[in-house]
Amino acid sequence: MSTRISTADAALLYRIPARTLRNWHAEGRITVHRDGRNLLWDCDELDQLAEQRGRGRLPRTPVMAHAL
């Protein structure tokens, strides 16, 4: 099982705004896990998306990070 982090931690560590994380989830690009009211993001998926994002904009057609 991969490490999961909060939205605030993901935003700080990956320099991805919280709104972008939520948009990516809504678009089907990344999965989110819930711990009560808190959203938890999978670090492996964030690593992949951050790497893709570093090469420019993400592709228009969303691809789930874990499917890469």
N, C-alpha and C. Protein backbone atom coordinates (compact mmCIF):
# COMPACT_ATOMS: atom_id res chain seq x y z
N MET A 1 0.85 -1.19 0.00
CA MET A 1 0.00 0.00 0.00
C MET A 1 0.88 1.24 0.00
N SER A 2 0.54 2.15 -0.85
CA SER A 2 1.29 3.40 -0.98
C SER A 2 0.94 4.36 0.15
N THR A 3 1.81 5.30 0.37
CA THR A 3 1.58 6.33 1.38
C THR A 3 0.50 7.28 0.90
N ARG A 4 -0.33 7.70 1.81
CA ARG A 4 -1.39 8.66 1.51
C ARG A 4 -1.18 9.91 2.36
N ILE A 5 -1.41 11.05 1.74
CA ILE A 5 -1.22 12.32 2.45
C ILE A 5 -2.44 13.21 2.27
N SER A 6 -2.55 14.18 3.16
CA SER A 6 -3.68 15.11 3.14
C SER A 6 -3.57 16.08 1.96
N THR A 7 -4.65 16.76 1.69
CA THR A 7 -4.68 17.75 0.61
C THR A 7 -3.67 18.85 0.88
N ALA A 8 -3.62 19.34 2.11
CA ALA A 8 -2.68 20.42 2.46
C ALA A 8 -1.23 19.97 2.26
N ASP A 9 -0.91 18.74 2.70
CA ASP A 9 0.45 18.23 2.54
C ASP A 9 0.79 18.03 1.07
N ALA A 10 -0.16 17.52 0.30
CA ALA A 10 0.05 17.31 -1.13
C ALA A 10 0.31 18.64 -1.82
N ALA A 11 -0.45 19.65 -1.47
CA ALA A 11 -0.28 20.97 -2.08
C ALA A 11 1.11 21.53 -1.78
N LEU A 12 1.57 21.36 -0.54
CA LEU A 12 2.89 21.87 -0.16
C LEU A 12 4.02 21.07 -0.80
N LEU A 13 3.95 19.75 -0.71
CA LEU A 13 5.04 18.91 -1.18
C LEU A 13 5.18 18.90 -2.70
N TYR A 14 4.05 18.88 -3.39
CA TYR A 14 4.08 18.77 -4.84
C TYR A 14 3.87 20.09 -5.56
N ARG A 15 3.63 21.15 -4.79
CA ARG A 15 3.36 22.48 -5.35
C ARG A 15 2.20 22.42 -6.36
N ILE A 16 1.16 21.72 -5.95
CA ILE A 16 -0.06 21.60 -6.75
C ILE A 16 -1.19 22.18 -5.90
N PRO A 17 -1.86 23.21 -6.36
CA PRO A 17 -2.95 23.80 -5.57
C PRO A 17 -4.03 22.77 -5.23
N ALA A 18 -4.62 22.92 -4.06
CA ALA A 18 -5.68 22.01 -3.61
C ALA A 18 -6.82 21.96 -4.63
N ARG A 19 -7.15 23.08 -5.22
CA ARG A 19 -8.22 23.11 -6.23
C ARG A 19 -7.85 22.24 -7.42
N THR A 20 -6.59 22.25 -7.83
CA THR A 20 -6.15 21.41 -8.95
C THR A 20 -6.28 19.94 -8.60
N LEU A 21 -5.93 19.57 -7.37
CA LEU A 21 -6.08 18.17 -6.95
C LEU A 21 -7.54 17.75 -7.04
N ARG A 22 -8.43 18.59 -6.54
CA ARG A 22 -9.86 18.26 -6.59
C ARG A 22 -10.36 18.21 -8.03
N ASN A 23 -9.87 19.11 -8.88
CA ASN A 23 -10.26 19.08 -10.30
C ASN A 23 -9.77 17.80 -10.96
N TRP A 24 -8.53 17.40 -10.69
CA TRP A 24 -8.00 16.16 -11.26
C TRP A 24 -8.84 14.97 -10.84
N HIS A 25 -9.27 14.96 -9.59
CA HIS A 25 -10.12 13.87 -9.11
C HIS A 25 -11.46 13.89 -9.86
N ALA A 26 -12.05 15.07 -10.01
CA ALA A 26 -13.33 15.19 -10.70
C ALA A 26 -13.21 14.77 -12.18
N GLU A 27 -12.04 14.99 -12.78
CA GLU A 27 -11.79 14.62 -14.17
C GLU A 27 -11.42 13.15 -14.33
N GLY A 28 -11.21 12.45 -13.21
CA GLY A 28 -10.83 11.04 -13.28
C GLY A 28 -9.35 10.80 -13.44
N ARG A 29 -8.54 11.79 -13.16
CA ARG A 29 -7.09 11.65 -13.31
C ARG A 29 -6.43 10.99 -12.10
N ILE A 30 -7.07 11.09 -10.93
CA ILE A 30 -6.46 10.61 -9.69
C ILE A 30 -7.57 10.12 -8.76
N THR A 31 -7.23 9.15 -7.95
CA THR A 31 -8.21 8.66 -6.98
C THR A 31 -7.99 9.36 -5.64
N VAL A 32 -9.04 9.40 -4.86
CA VAL A 32 -8.95 9.99 -3.53
C VAL A 32 -9.54 8.98 -2.54
N HIS A 33 -8.98 8.99 -1.37
CA HIS A 33 -9.45 8.12 -0.29
C HIS A 33 -9.96 9.03 0.82
N ARG A 34 -10.94 8.57 1.52
CA ARG A 34 -11.50 9.38 2.61
C ARG A 34 -11.18 8.75 3.97
N ASP A 35 -10.82 9.62 4.89
CA ASP A 35 -10.62 9.25 6.28
C ASP A 35 -11.55 10.17 7.07
N GLY A 36 -12.79 9.73 7.21
CA GLY A 36 -13.80 10.61 7.80
C GLY A 36 -14.09 11.72 6.81
N ARG A 37 -13.86 12.97 7.22
CA ARG A 37 -14.09 14.12 6.35
C ARG A 37 -12.86 14.50 5.55
N ASN A 38 -11.71 13.92 5.88
CA ASN A 38 -10.46 14.28 5.22
C ASN A 38 -10.25 13.51 3.93
N LEU A 39 -9.72 14.21 2.92
CA LEU A 39 -9.34 13.57 1.67
C LEU A 39 -7.87 13.19 1.75
N LEU A 40 -7.56 11.97 1.32
CA LEU A 40 -6.18 11.50 1.32
C LEU A 40 -5.79 11.13 -0.11
N TRP A 41 -4.61 11.56 -0.52
CA TRP A 41 -4.12 11.37 -1.88
C TRP A 41 -2.98 10.36 -1.86
N ASP A 42 -2.95 9.50 -2.86
CA ASP A 42 -1.94 8.46 -2.99
C ASP A 42 -0.65 9.07 -3.54
N CYS A 43 0.46 8.93 -2.83
CA CYS A 43 1.72 9.54 -3.24
C CYS A 43 2.24 8.99 -4.57
N ASP A 44 2.03 7.72 -4.85
CA ASP A 44 2.48 7.16 -6.13
C ASP A 44 1.77 7.84 -7.30
N GLU A 45 0.47 8.06 -7.16
CA GLU A 45 -0.29 8.73 -8.20
C GLU A 45 0.14 10.19 -8.33
N LEU A 46 0.36 10.85 -7.20
CA LEU A 46 0.82 12.24 -7.23
C LEU A 46 2.18 12.35 -7.88
N ASP A 47 3.07 11.40 -7.61
CA ASP A 47 4.40 11.40 -8.23
C ASP A 47 4.27 11.35 -9.75
N GLN A 48 3.42 10.46 -10.24
CA GLN A 48 3.23 10.31 -11.69
C GLN A 48 2.64 11.56 -12.32
N LEU A 49 1.62 12.12 -11.68
CA LEU A 49 1.00 13.32 -12.23
C LEU A 49 1.93 14.52 -12.15
N ALA A 50 2.69 14.64 -11.08
CA ALA A 50 3.64 15.74 -10.95
C ALA A 50 4.72 15.64 -12.02
N GLU A 51 5.15 14.42 -12.32
CA GLU A 51 6.15 14.21 -13.38
C GLU A 51 5.57 14.63 -14.73
N GLN A 52 4.35 14.20 -15.03
CA GLN A 52 3.70 14.59 -16.28
C GLN A 52 3.51 16.10 -16.36
N ARG A 53 3.12 16.68 -15.25
CA ARG A 53 2.86 18.12 -15.21
C ARG A 53 4.15 18.90 -15.41
N GLY A 54 5.27 18.35 -14.97
CA GLY A 54 6.57 19.01 -15.13
C GLY A 54 6.98 19.12 -16.59
N ARG A 55 6.42 18.27 -17.44
CA ARG A 55 6.73 18.29 -18.87
C ARG A 55 5.77 19.20 -19.63
N GLY A 56 4.95 19.93 -18.93
CA GLY A 56 3.97 20.81 -19.57
C GLY A 56 2.58 20.47 -19.08
N ARG A 57 1.61 20.91 -19.82
CA ARG A 57 0.22 20.66 -19.42
C ARG A 57 -0.09 19.17 -19.54
N LEU A 58 -0.98 18.71 -18.71
CA LEU A 58 -1.42 17.32 -18.78
C LEU A 58 -2.24 17.11 -20.05
N PRO A 59 -2.26 15.89 -20.57
CA PRO A 59 -3.05 15.62 -21.76
C PRO A 59 -4.52 15.96 -21.54
N ARG A 60 -5.19 16.37 -22.60
CA ARG A 60 -6.60 16.73 -22.50
C ARG A 60 -7.45 15.55 -22.06
N THR A 61 -7.14 14.36 -22.58
CA THR A 61 -7.88 13.17 -22.20
C THR A 61 -7.31 12.64 -20.90
N PRO A 62 -8.10 12.63 -19.83
CA PRO A 62 -7.58 12.20 -18.54
C PRO A 62 -7.26 10.71 -18.54
N VAL A 63 -6.17 10.39 -17.87
CA VAL A 63 -5.77 9.00 -17.68
C VAL A 63 -5.53 8.84 -16.19
N MET A 64 -6.14 7.81 -15.60
CA MET A 64 -5.94 7.56 -14.17
C MET A 64 -4.45 7.31 -13.95
N ALA A 65 -3.88 7.93 -12.94
CA ALA A 65 -2.45 7.82 -12.68
C ALA A 65 -2.04 6.37 -12.43
N HIS A 66 -2.87 5.59 -11.75
CA HIS A 66 -2.48 4.22 -11.43
C HIS A 66 -2.51 3.33 -12.66
N ALA A 67 -3.09 3.80 -13.76
CA ALA A 67 -3.14 3.00 -15.00
C ALA A 67 -1.90 3.22 -15.85
N LEU A 68 -1.06 4.17 -15.48
CA LEU A 68 0.15 4.47 -16.27
C LEU A 68 1.23 3.45 -16.04
